[in-house]
């Protein structure tokens, strides 16, 4: 089972990875 804390951590890392993968134009 995945704990809520772990889920939030994974989501945060995933969002950061996707934001880094996206072009700088979309960051604005």
Protein backbone atom coordinates (compact mmCIF):
# COMPACT_ATOMS: atom_id res chain seq x y z
CA UNK A 1 0.00 0.00 0.00
CA UNK A 2 1.08 3.57 -0.63
CA UNK A 3 0.87 5.94 2.32
CA UNK A 4 -0.64 9.38 1.87
CA UNK A 5 2.71 11.00 2.65
CA UNK A 6 4.43 8.83 0.05
CA UNK A 7 1.70 9.60 -2.48
CA UNK A 8 2.11 13.34 -1.94
CA UNK A 9 5.88 13.01 -2.24
CA UNK A 10 5.59 11.03 -5.47
CA UNK A 11 3.09 13.54 -6.86
CA UNK A 12 5.41 16.44 -5.98
CA UNK A 13 8.37 14.73 -7.66
CA UNK A 14 6.23 13.87 -10.70
CA UNK A 15 4.97 17.44 -11.03
CA UNK A 16 8.54 18.76 -10.73
CA UNK A 17 9.76 16.30 -13.38
CA UNK A 18 6.94 17.24 -15.76
CA UNK A 19 7.53 20.97 -15.19
CA UNK A 20 11.22 20.45 -16.01
CA UNK A 21 10.32 18.44 -19.12
CA UNK A 22 7.96 21.15 -20.36
CA UNK A 23 9.43 23.99 -22.43
CA UNK A 24 10.25 27.30 -20.67
CA UNK A 25 7.46 28.98 -22.65
CA UNK A 26 4.81 26.98 -20.77
CA UNK A 27 6.41 27.87 -17.44
CA UNK A 28 5.14 31.45 -17.89
